[in-house]
Amino acid sequence: MGDFPDFLTPPQGIRGLEEGIEAVLSTSRFQLHREVTALSGPTGLTRPLADGETSALAMLGETLRDYHRAAVAPYWPRVQGLIDADRAVRARALLDNSVDGLLAGLRPTLRWHPPVLEADYPVHHDIHLQGRGLLLVPSVFCWRNPITLIDPGLPPVLVYPAVSQRPGWWTDATNPKERRTLANLLGHTRANTLRVIEGGCTTGELARRVGISSPAASQHATALREAGLITSMRQRNTVVHTLTPLGAALVRSNTRPRLDEQG
């Protein structure tokens, strides 16, 4: 896989599906023609889109909605949980070892040789930041190689495979026998609460990953904290939970981390 049209990944998508699709459909004809023809050449299937025809754009919008409904929406809670876990891991690497530690921790997908960040990429592509910074975006849909924007004039973005990503993440692939001991000790929901805190998370993130309400997540976290298994720290208007050495030892000795079990 080589270049990917930039217009299909607009920054407006962070505000929701419809705003993202609206941004895609508002792409200028010049950009459509440049990126679609660079991707596939002027074929009968893509020429109407490259020419910015209204019917082709309308079909693209409906296709994006249909795909999201079938292939993304059913798995979104798991996607969000994996991304939350990755962000917690990267944030801790940044706090403990500064930017060098964060970038060095992106191996094997990326290799940090200051001041150059290298990646195996399908095509030759150099990005010169020139003081603009770099937005790192973890993704469960990015496999093996990272993805960047093509246009050098756009803000630098690097999409990389999430650290918690594993084959079959969208299915219930973990062997239930591997979770039995900890669940018998704490109960299924509280055991899962302890597991998902392993990477560090807020109460809201905990509720989303476990699939319970925020008040219930807070109650489980309180019980685990009183048992000496987690530590909770308030940061402005959120509370961040992390495992104590005792909690981490308990998780590691009983089961592999699991992000998507519901009690």
C-alpha atoms as a PDB file:
ATOM      1  CA  MET A   1       0.000   0.000   0.000  1.00  0.00           C
ATOM      2  CA  GLY A   2       1.322   3.434  -0.909  1.00  0.00           C
ATOM      3  CA  ASP A   3      -0.277   6.879  -0.919  1.00  0.00           C
ATOM      4  CA  PHE A   4      -3.733   7.408   0.569  1.00  0.00           C
ATOM      5  CA  PRO A   5      -5.927  10.414  -0.339  1.00  0.00           C
ATOM      6  CA  ASP A   6      -5.652  13.090   2.339  1.00  0.00           C
ATOM      7  CA  PHE A   7      -9.192  14.316   1.738  1.00  0.00           C
ATOM      8  CA  LEU A   8     -10.583  11.065   3.216  1.00  0.00           C
ATOM      9  CA  THR A   9      -9.032  11.806   6.633  1.00  0.00           C
ATOM     10  CA  PRO A  10     -10.083  15.402   7.420  1.00  0.00           C
ATOM     11  CA  PRO A  11      -9.240  16.848  10.851  1.00  0.00           C
ATOM     12  CA  GLN A  12     -12.928  17.744  11.279  1.00  0.00           C
ATOM     13  CA  GLY A  13     -13.609  14.040  11.825  1.00  0.00           C
ATOM     14  CA  ILE A  14     -12.522  14.425  15.444  1.00  0.00           C
ATOM     15  CA  ARG A  15     -15.828  16.246  16.036  1.00  0.00           C
ATOM     16  CA  GLY A  16     -17.949  13.329  14.842  1.00  0.00           C
ATOM     17  CA  LEU A  17     -18.900  11.214  11.839  1.00  0.00           C
ATOM     18  CA  GLU A  18     -21.216  13.706  10.145  1.00  0.00           C
ATOM     19  CA  GLU A  19     -18.804  16.635  10.412  1.00  0.00           C
ATOM     20  CA  GLY A  20     -16.055  14.422   9.008  1.00  0.00           C
ATOM     21  CA  ILE A  21     -18.198  13.312   6.070  1.00  0.00           C
ATOM     22  CA  GLU A  22     -19.286  16.898   5.425  1.00  0.00           C
ATOM     23  CA  ALA A  23     -15.627  17.912   5.238  1.00  0.00           C
ATOM     24  CA  VAL A  24     -14.918  15.066   2.794  1.00  0.00           C
ATOM     25  CA  LEU A  25     -17.815  16.106   0.550  1.00  0.00           C
ATOM     26  CA  SER A  26     -16.693  19.744   0.668  1.00  0.00           C
ATOM     27  CA  THR A  27     -13.260  18.926  -0.790  1.00  0.00           C
ATOM     28  CA  SER A  28     -12.349  21.234  -3.662  1.00  0.00           C
ATOM     29  CA  ARG A  29     -12.432  19.837  -7.186  1.00  0.00           C
ATOM     30  CA  PHE A  30      -8.751  20.636  -7.571  1.00  0.00           C
ATOM     31  CA  GLN A  31      -7.832  18.476  -4.560  1.00  0.00           C
ATOM     32  CA  LEU A  32     -10.184  15.685  -5.597  1.00  0.00           C
ATOM     33  CA  HIS A  33      -8.698  15.507  -9.079  1.00  0.00           C
ATOM     34  CA  ARG A  34      -5.109  15.656  -7.819  1.00  0.00           C
ATOM     35  CA  GLU A  35      -5.441  12.982  -5.133  1.00  0.00           C
ATOM     36  CA  VAL A  36      -7.817  10.554  -6.839  1.00  0.00           C
ATOM     37  CA  THR A  37      -5.881  10.502 -10.084  1.00  0.00           C
ATOM     38  CA  ALA A  38      -2.571  10.161  -8.212  1.00  0.00           C
ATOM     39  CA  LEU A  39      -3.981   7.127  -6.437  1.00  0.00           C
ATOM     40  CA  SER A  40      -5.495   5.175  -9.298  1.00  0.00           C
ATOM     41  CA  GLY A  41      -5.179   7.112 -12.524  1.00  0.00           C
ATOM     42  CA  PRO A  42      -8.216   8.257 -14.554  1.00  0.00           C
ATOM     43  CA  THR A  43     -10.347   5.072 -14.598  1.00  0.00           C
ATOM     44  CA  GLY A  44     -14.028   4.716 -15.364  1.00  0.00           C
ATOM     45  CA  LEU A  45     -14.804   3.978 -11.707  1.00  0.00           C
ATOM     46  CA  THR A  46     -12.993   6.939 -10.197  1.00  0.00           C
ATOM     47  CA  ARG A  47     -13.253   9.597 -12.916  1.00  0.00           C
ATOM     48  CA  PRO A  48     -16.664  10.945 -11.715  1.00  0.00           C
ATOM     49  CA  LEU A  49     -15.238  11.383  -8.215  1.00  0.00           C
ATOM     50  CA  ALA A  50     -12.031  12.931  -9.522  1.00  0.00           C
ATOM     51  CA  ASP A  51     -14.174  15.387 -11.497  1.00  0.00           C
ATOM     52  CA  GLY A  52     -16.189  16.297  -8.391  1.00  0.00           C
ATOM     53  CA  GLU A  53     -19.520  15.151  -9.808  1.00  0.00           C
ATOM     54  CA  THR A  54     -22.368  15.667  -7.333  1.00  0.00           C
ATOM     55  CA  SER A  55     -23.753  12.152  -7.720  1.00  0.00           C
ATOM     56  CA  ALA A  56     -20.338  10.578  -7.101  1.00  0.00           C
ATOM     57  CA  LEU A  57     -19.829  12.640  -3.947  1.00  0.00           C
ATOM     58  CA  ALA A  58     -23.308  11.754  -2.671  1.00  0.00           C
ATOM     59  CA  MET A  59     -22.573   8.060  -3.223  1.00  0.00           C
ATOM     60  CA  LEU A  60     -19.257   8.421  -1.398  1.00  0.00           C
ATOM     61  CA  GLY A  61     -21.004  10.003   1.596  1.00  0.00           C
ATOM     62  CA  GLU A  62     -23.576   7.197   1.825  1.00  0.00           C
ATOM     63  CA  THR A  63     -20.859   4.573   1.417  1.00  0.00           C
ATOM     64  CA  LEU A  64     -18.883   6.072   4.306  1.00  0.00           C
ATOM     65  CA  ARG A  65     -21.998   6.059   6.515  1.00  0.00           C
ATOM     66  CA  ASP A  66     -22.848   2.460   5.579  1.00  0.00           C
ATOM     67  CA  TYR A  67     -19.294   1.297   6.224  1.00  0.00           C
ATOM     68  CA  HIS A  68     -19.168   3.030   9.590  1.00  0.00           C
ATOM     69  CA  ARG A  69     -22.507   1.474  10.581  1.00  0.00           C
ATOM     70  CA  ALA A  70     -21.382  -2.046   9.648  1.00  0.00           C
ATOM     71  CA  ALA A  71     -17.653  -2.137  10.366  1.00  0.00           C
ATOM     72  CA  VAL A  72     -16.902   0.557  12.973  1.00  0.00           C
ATOM     73  CA  ALA A  73     -19.882   1.382  15.205  1.00  0.00           C
ATOM     74  CA  PRO A  74     -20.373  -2.164  16.621  1.00  0.00           C
ATOM     75  CA  TYR A  75     -16.747  -2.250  17.791  1.00  0.00           C
ATOM     76  CA  TRP A  76     -16.318   1.376  18.832  1.00  0.00           C
ATOM     77  CA  PRO A  77     -16.274   0.758  22.623  1.00  0.00           C
ATOM     78  CA  ARG A  78     -13.398  -1.707  22.156  1.00  0.00           C
ATOM     79  CA  VAL A  79     -11.612   0.687  19.824  1.00  0.00           C
ATOM     80  CA  GLN A  80     -11.926   3.463  22.389  1.00  0.00           C
ATOM     81  CA  GLY A  81     -10.660   1.212  25.153  1.00  0.00           C
ATOM     82  CA  LEU A  82      -7.561   0.180  23.199  1.00  0.00           C
ATOM     83  CA  ILE A  83      -6.790   3.791  22.298  1.00  0.00           C
ATOM     84  CA  ASP A  84      -7.219   4.887  25.924  1.00  0.00           C
ATOM     85  CA  ALA A  85      -4.747   2.200  26.983  1.00  0.00           C
ATOM     86  CA  ASP A  86      -2.207   3.254  24.351  1.00  0.00           C
ATOM     87  CA  ARG A  87      -2.443   6.903  25.357  1.00  0.00           C
ATOM     88  CA  ALA A  88      -1.864   5.966  29.007  1.00  0.00           C
ATOM     89  CA  VAL A  89       1.261   3.996  28.078  1.00  0.00           C
ATOM     90  CA  ARG A  90       2.650   6.834  25.924  1.00  0.00           C
ATOM     91  CA  ALA A  91       1.842   9.468  28.547  1.00  0.00           C
ATOM     92  CA  ARG A  92       3.701   7.541  31.221  1.00  0.00           C
ATOM     93  CA  ALA A  93       6.693   7.074  28.894  1.00  0.00           C
ATOM     94  CA  LEU A  94       6.718  10.817  28.271  1.00  0.00           C
ATOM     95  CA  LEU A  95       6.518  11.671  31.983  1.00  0.00           C
ATOM     96  CA  ASP A  96       9.157   9.139  33.011  1.00  0.00           C
ATOM     97  CA  ASN A  97      11.676   9.567  30.188  1.00  0.00           C
ATOM     98  CA  SER A  98      10.758  12.790  28.316  1.00  0.00           C
ATOM     99  CA  VAL A  99      10.220  12.979  24.534  1.00  0.00           C
ATOM    100  CA  ASP A 100      13.188  10.690  23.873  1.00  0.00           C
ATOM    101  CA  GLY A 101      11.580   7.960  25.973  1.00  0.00           C
ATOM    102  CA  LEU A 102       8.232   8.406  24.253  1.00  0.00           C
ATOM    103  CA  LEU A 103       9.687   8.149  20.745  1.00  0.00           C
ATOM    104  CA  ALA A 104      12.047   5.305  21.649  1.00  0.00           C
ATOM    105  CA  GLY A 105       9.052   3.376  22.975  1.00  0.00           C
ATOM    106  CA  LEU A 106       7.418   3.351  19.541  1.00  0.00           C
ATOM    107  CA  ARG A 107       9.646   0.455  18.421  1.00  0.00           C
ATOM    108  CA  PRO A 108       9.439  -1.750  16.429  1.00  0.00           C
ATOM    109  CA  THR A 109       6.997   0.251  14.302  1.00  0.00           C
ATOM    110  CA  LEU A 110       9.192   3.363  14.445  1.00  0.00           C
ATOM    111  CA  ARG A 111      12.889   3.873  15.191  1.00  0.00           C
ATOM    112  CA  TRP A 112      14.125   6.999  16.962  1.00  0.00           C
ATOM    113  CA  HIS A 113      17.625   8.120  15.935  1.00  0.00           C
ATOM    114  CA  PRO A 114      17.738  11.746  17.096  1.00  0.00           C
ATOM    115  CA  PRO A 115      16.800  13.949  15.383  1.00  0.00           C
ATOM    116  CA  VAL A 116      15.245  11.508  12.868  1.00  0.00           C
ATOM    117  CA  LEU A 117      12.242   9.241  13.399  1.00  0.00           C
ATOM    118  CA  GLU A 118      12.404   6.374  10.896  1.00  0.00           C
ATOM    119  CA  ALA A 119       9.666   4.021   9.729  1.00  0.00           C
ATOM    120  CA  ASP A 120       9.222   1.240   7.214  1.00  0.00           C
ATOM    121  CA  TYR A 121       6.947   2.884   4.667  1.00  0.00           C
ATOM    122  CA  PRO A 122       5.616   1.524   1.372  1.00  0.00           C
ATOM    123  CA  VAL A 123       6.935   4.516  -0.586  1.00  0.00           C
ATOM    124  CA  HIS A 124       9.817   6.948  -0.070  1.00  0.00           C
ATOM    125  CA  HIS A 125       8.409   9.836   1.918  1.00  0.00           C
ATOM    126  CA  ASP A 126      10.329  12.426   3.953  1.00  0.00           C
ATOM    127  CA  ILE A 127       8.591  14.843   6.311  1.00  0.00           C
ATOM    128  CA  HIS A 128      10.525  17.883   7.508  1.00  0.00           C
ATOM    129  CA  LEU A 129       8.836  19.303  10.596  1.00  0.00           C
ATOM    130  CA  GLN A 130      10.540  22.695  10.503  1.00  0.00           C
ATOM    131  CA  GLY A 131       9.351  23.502  13.992  1.00  0.00           C
ATOM    132  CA  ARG A 132       5.716  22.544  13.362  1.00  0.00           C
ATOM    133  CA  GLY A 133       5.626  19.629  15.814  1.00  0.00           C
ATOM    134  CA  LEU A 134       4.239  16.148  15.145  1.00  0.00           C
ATOM    135  CA  LEU A 135       0.801  14.796  16.039  1.00  0.00           C
ATOM    136  CA  LEU A 136       0.994  11.098  17.016  1.00  0.00           C
ATOM    137  CA  VAL A 137      -2.282   9.202  16.469  1.00  0.00           C
ATOM    138  CA  PRO A 138      -2.648   5.601  17.718  1.00  0.00           C
ATOM    139  CA  SER A 139      -4.954   3.430  15.625  1.00  0.00           C
ATOM    140  CA  VAL A 140      -6.281  -0.118  15.753  1.00  0.00           C
ATOM    141  CA  PHE A 141      -6.845   0.029  11.992  1.00  0.00           C
ATOM    142  CA  CYS A 142      -3.176   0.689  11.232  1.00  0.00           C
ATOM    143  CA  TRP A 143      -1.224  -2.538  10.768  1.00  0.00           C
ATOM    144  CA  ARG A 144       2.564  -2.976  10.699  1.00  0.00           C
ATOM    145  CA  ASN A 145       3.451   0.312   8.993  1.00  0.00           C
ATOM    146  CA  PRO A 146       2.501   3.844  10.060  1.00  0.00           C
ATOM    147  CA  ILE A 147       0.531   6.234   7.851  1.00  0.00           C
ATOM    148  CA  THR A 148       1.140   9.921   7.128  1.00  0.00           C
ATOM    149  CA  LEU A 149      -0.528  12.664   5.163  1.00  0.00           C
ATOM    150  CA  ILE A 150       0.789  13.178   1.622  1.00  0.00           C
ATOM    151  CA  ASP A 151       0.561  16.950   1.294  1.00  0.00           C
ATOM    152  CA  PRO A 152       3.695  18.460   2.915  1.00  0.00           C
ATOM    153  CA  GLY A 153       1.763  21.672   3.497  1.00  0.00           C
ATOM    154  CA  LEU A 154      -0.637  20.009   5.960  1.00  0.00           C
ATOM    155  CA  PRO A 155       0.167  19.797   9.699  1.00  0.00           C
ATOM    156  CA  PRO A 156       2.452  16.769  10.257  1.00  0.00           C
ATOM    157  CA  VAL A 157       0.501  13.708  11.431  1.00  0.00           C
ATOM    158  CA  LEU A 158       1.763  10.178  12.057  1.00  0.00           C
ATOM    159  CA  VAL A 159      -0.747   7.351  12.555  1.00  0.00           C
ATOM    160  CA  TYR A 160       0.800   4.252  14.155  1.00  0.00           C
ATOM    161  CA  PRO A 161      -0.465   0.848  15.402  1.00  0.00           C
ATOM    162  CA  ALA A 162      -1.819   1.048  18.951  1.00  0.00           C
ATOM    163  CA  VAL A 163       0.373  -0.743  21.465  1.00  0.00           C
ATOM    164  CA  SER A 164      -2.548  -2.815  22.815  1.00  0.00           C
ATOM    165  CA  GLN A 165      -3.619  -3.947  19.372  1.00  0.00           C
ATOM    166  CA  ARG A 166      -3.602  -7.699  18.860  1.00  0.00           C
ATOM    167  CA  PRO A 167      -4.964  -9.997  16.147  1.00  0.00           C
ATOM    168  CA  GLY A 168      -8.661 -10.557  16.711  1.00  0.00           C
ATOM    169  CA  TRP A 169      -9.033  -7.542  19.038  1.00  0.00           C
ATOM    170  CA  TRP A 170     -12.596  -7.098  17.761  1.00  0.00           C
ATOM    171  CA  THR A 171     -13.622 -10.592  18.960  1.00  0.00           C
ATOM    172  CA  ASP A 172     -13.805 -12.298  22.312  1.00  0.00           C
ATOM    173  CA  ALA A 173     -10.568 -14.187  21.661  1.00  0.00           C
ATOM    174  CA  THR A 174      -9.164 -14.529  25.180  1.00  0.00           C
ATOM    175  CA  ASN A 175      -9.466 -17.937  26.799  1.00  0.00           C
ATOM    176  CA  PRO A 176     -11.946 -17.645  29.724  1.00  0.00           C
ATOM    177  CA  LYS A 177      -9.880 -20.146  31.756  1.00  0.00           C
ATOM    178  CA  GLU A 178      -7.051 -17.616  31.878  1.00  0.00           C
ATOM    179  CA  ARG A 179      -9.291 -15.156  33.771  1.00  0.00           C
ATOM    180  CA  ARG A 180     -10.907 -17.582  36.188  1.00  0.00           C
ATOM    181  CA  THR A 181      -8.635 -17.221  39.241  1.00  0.00           C
ATOM    182  CA  LEU A 182      -8.785 -13.434  39.560  1.00  0.00           C
ATOM    183  CA  ALA A 183     -12.525 -13.380  38.820  1.00  0.00           C
ATOM    184  CA  ASN A 184     -13.166 -15.939  41.579  1.00  0.00           C
ATOM    185  CA  LEU A 185     -11.243 -13.759  44.016  1.00  0.00           C
ATOM    186  CA  LEU A 186     -12.749 -10.360  43.217  1.00  0.00           C
ATOM    187  CA  GLY A 187     -15.825 -11.041  41.093  1.00  0.00           C
ATOM    188  CA  HIS A 188     -15.904 -10.660  37.304  1.00  0.00           C
ATOM    189  CA  THR A 189     -16.554  -6.918  37.100  1.00  0.00           C
ATOM    190  CA  ARG A 190     -14.102  -5.908  39.843  1.00  0.00           C
ATOM    191  CA  ALA A 191     -11.431  -8.251  38.438  1.00  0.00           C
ATOM    192  CA  ASN A 192     -11.873  -6.682  35.011  1.00  0.00           C
ATOM    193  CA  THR A 193     -11.736  -3.233  36.620  1.00  0.00           C
ATOM    194  CA  LEU A 194      -8.344  -4.093  38.081  1.00  0.00           C
ATOM    195  CA  ARG A 195      -7.062  -5.387  34.724  1.00  0.00           C
ATOM    196  CA  VAL A 196      -7.986  -2.336  32.699  1.00  0.00           C
ATOM    197  CA  ILE A 197      -6.396   0.010  35.236  1.00  0.00           C
ATOM    198  CA  GLU A 198      -3.025  -1.617  34.499  1.00  0.00           C
ATOM    199  CA  GLY A 199      -2.119   0.981  31.862  1.00  0.00           C
ATOM    200  CA  GLY A 200      -3.510   3.876  33.924  1.00  0.00           C
ATOM    201  CA  CYS A 201      -6.904   5.469  33.264  1.00  0.00           C
ATOM    202  CA  THR A 202      -9.448   7.985  34.498  1.00  0.00           C
ATOM    203  CA  THR A 203     -12.776   7.009  36.042  1.00  0.00           C
ATOM    204  CA  GLY A 204     -14.573   7.854  32.789  1.00  0.00           C
ATOM    205  CA  GLU A 205     -12.178   5.753  30.738  1.00  0.00           C
ATOM    206  CA  LEU A 206     -12.541   2.914  33.237  1.00  0.00           C
ATOM    207  CA  ALA A 207     -16.325   2.984  32.919  1.00  0.00           C
ATOM    208  CA  ARG A 208     -16.133   2.959  29.129  1.00  0.00           C
ATOM    209  CA  ARG A 209     -13.654   0.075  28.946  1.00  0.00           C
ATOM    210  CA  VAL A 210     -15.480  -2.142  31.442  1.00  0.00           C
ATOM    211  CA  GLY A 211     -18.939  -1.208  30.141  1.00  0.00           C
ATOM    212  CA  ILE A 212     -20.419   0.130  33.392  1.00  0.00           C
ATOM    213  CA  SER A 213     -21.664   3.507  34.613  1.00  0.00           C
ATOM    214  CA  SER A 214     -19.286   6.138  35.964  1.00  0.00           C
ATOM    215  CA  PRO A 215     -20.714   5.872  39.526  1.00  0.00           C
ATOM    216  CA  ALA A 216     -20.236   2.083  39.426  1.00  0.00           C
ATOM    217  CA  ALA A 217     -16.676   2.496  38.149  1.00  0.00           C
ATOM    218  CA  SER A 218     -15.971   4.937  40.992  1.00  0.00           C
ATOM    219  CA  GLN A 219     -17.329   2.451  43.555  1.00  0.00           C
ATOM    220  CA  HIS A 220     -15.176  -0.394  42.210  1.00  0.00           C
ATOM    221  CA  ALA A 221     -12.109   1.873  42.145  1.00  0.00           C
ATOM    222  CA  THR A 222     -12.757   2.900  45.760  1.00  0.00           C
ATOM    223  CA  ALA A 223     -12.931  -0.731  46.882  1.00  0.00           C
ATOM    224  CA  LEU A 224      -9.706  -1.574  45.042  1.00  0.00           C
ATOM    225  CA  ARG A 225      -7.966   1.491  46.463  1.00  0.00           C
ATOM    226  CA  GLU A 226      -9.012   0.611  50.032  1.00  0.00           C
ATOM    227  CA  ALA A 227      -7.606  -2.886  49.435  1.00  0.00           C
ATOM    228  CA  GLY A 228      -4.246  -1.389  48.460  1.00  0.00           C
ATOM    229  CA  LEU A 229      -4.442  -2.581  44.852  1.00  0.00           C
ATOM    230  CA  ILE A 230      -4.642   0.799  43.085  1.00  0.00           C
ATOM    231  CA  THR A 231      -3.646   4.405  43.646  1.00  0.00           C
ATOM    232  CA  SER A 232      -5.885   7.300  42.609  1.00  0.00           C
ATOM    233  CA  MET A 233      -4.595  10.796  41.879  1.00  0.00           C
ATOM    234  CA  ARG A 234      -6.707  13.838  41.080  1.00  0.00           C
ATOM    235  CA  GLN A 235      -5.577  15.951  38.109  1.00  0.00           C
ATOM    236  CA  ARG A 236      -7.766  19.044  37.782  1.00  0.00           C
ATOM    237  CA  ASN A 237     -11.303  17.716  37.232  1.00  0.00           C
ATOM    238  CA  THR A 238     -10.376  14.056  36.669  1.00  0.00           C
ATOM    239  CA  VAL A 239      -9.069  11.195  38.801  1.00  0.00           C
ATOM    240  CA  VAL A 240      -6.352   8.968  37.315  1.00  0.00           C
ATOM    241  CA  HIS A 241      -6.047   5.398  38.595  1.00  0.00           C
ATOM    242  CA  THR A 242      -2.902   3.258  38.435  1.00  0.00           C
ATOM    243  CA  LEU A 243      -1.960  -0.113  39.921  1.00  0.00           C
ATOM    244  CA  THR A 244       0.127  -0.383  43.076  1.00  0.00           C
ATOM    245  CA  PRO A 245       2.971  -2.960  43.028  1.00  0.00           C
ATOM    246  CA  LEU A 246       0.616  -5.340  44.855  1.00  0.00           C
ATOM    247  CA  GLY A 247      -2.143  -4.808  42.284  1.00  0.00           C
ATOM    248  CA  ALA A 248       0.257  -5.225  39.374  1.00  0.00           C
ATOM    249  CA  ALA A 249       1.666  -8.440  40.855  1.00  0.00           C
ATOM    250  CA  LEU A 250      -1.848  -9.800  41.338  1.00  0.00           C
ATOM    251  CA  VAL A 251      -2.822  -9.092  37.728  1.00  0.00           C
ATOM    252  CA  ARG A 252       0.391 -10.517  36.280  1.00  0.00           C
ATOM    253  CA  SER A 253       0.235 -13.674  38.363  1.00  0.00           C
ATOM    254  CA  ASN A 254      -3.373 -14.473  37.534  1.00  0.00           C
ATOM    255  CA  THR A 255      -4.180 -13.401  34.002  1.00  0.00           C
ATOM    256  CA  ARG A 256      -3.215 -11.466  30.914  1.00  0.00           C
ATOM    257  CA  PRO A 257      -4.686  -7.918  30.648  1.00  0.00           C
ATOM    258  CA  ARG A 258      -8.106  -7.785  29.086  1.00  0.00           C
ATOM    259  CA  LEU A 259      -9.774  -4.563  27.970  1.00  0.00           C
ATOM    260  CA  ASP A 260     -13.213  -5.528  26.822  1.00  0.00           C
ATOM    261  CA  GLU A 261     -14.793  -8.068  29.194  1.00  0.00           C
ATOM    262  CA  GLN A 262     -18.053  -6.962  30.723  1.00  0.00           C
ATOM    263  CA  GLY A 263     -18.998  -8.204  34.153  1.00  0.00           C
END
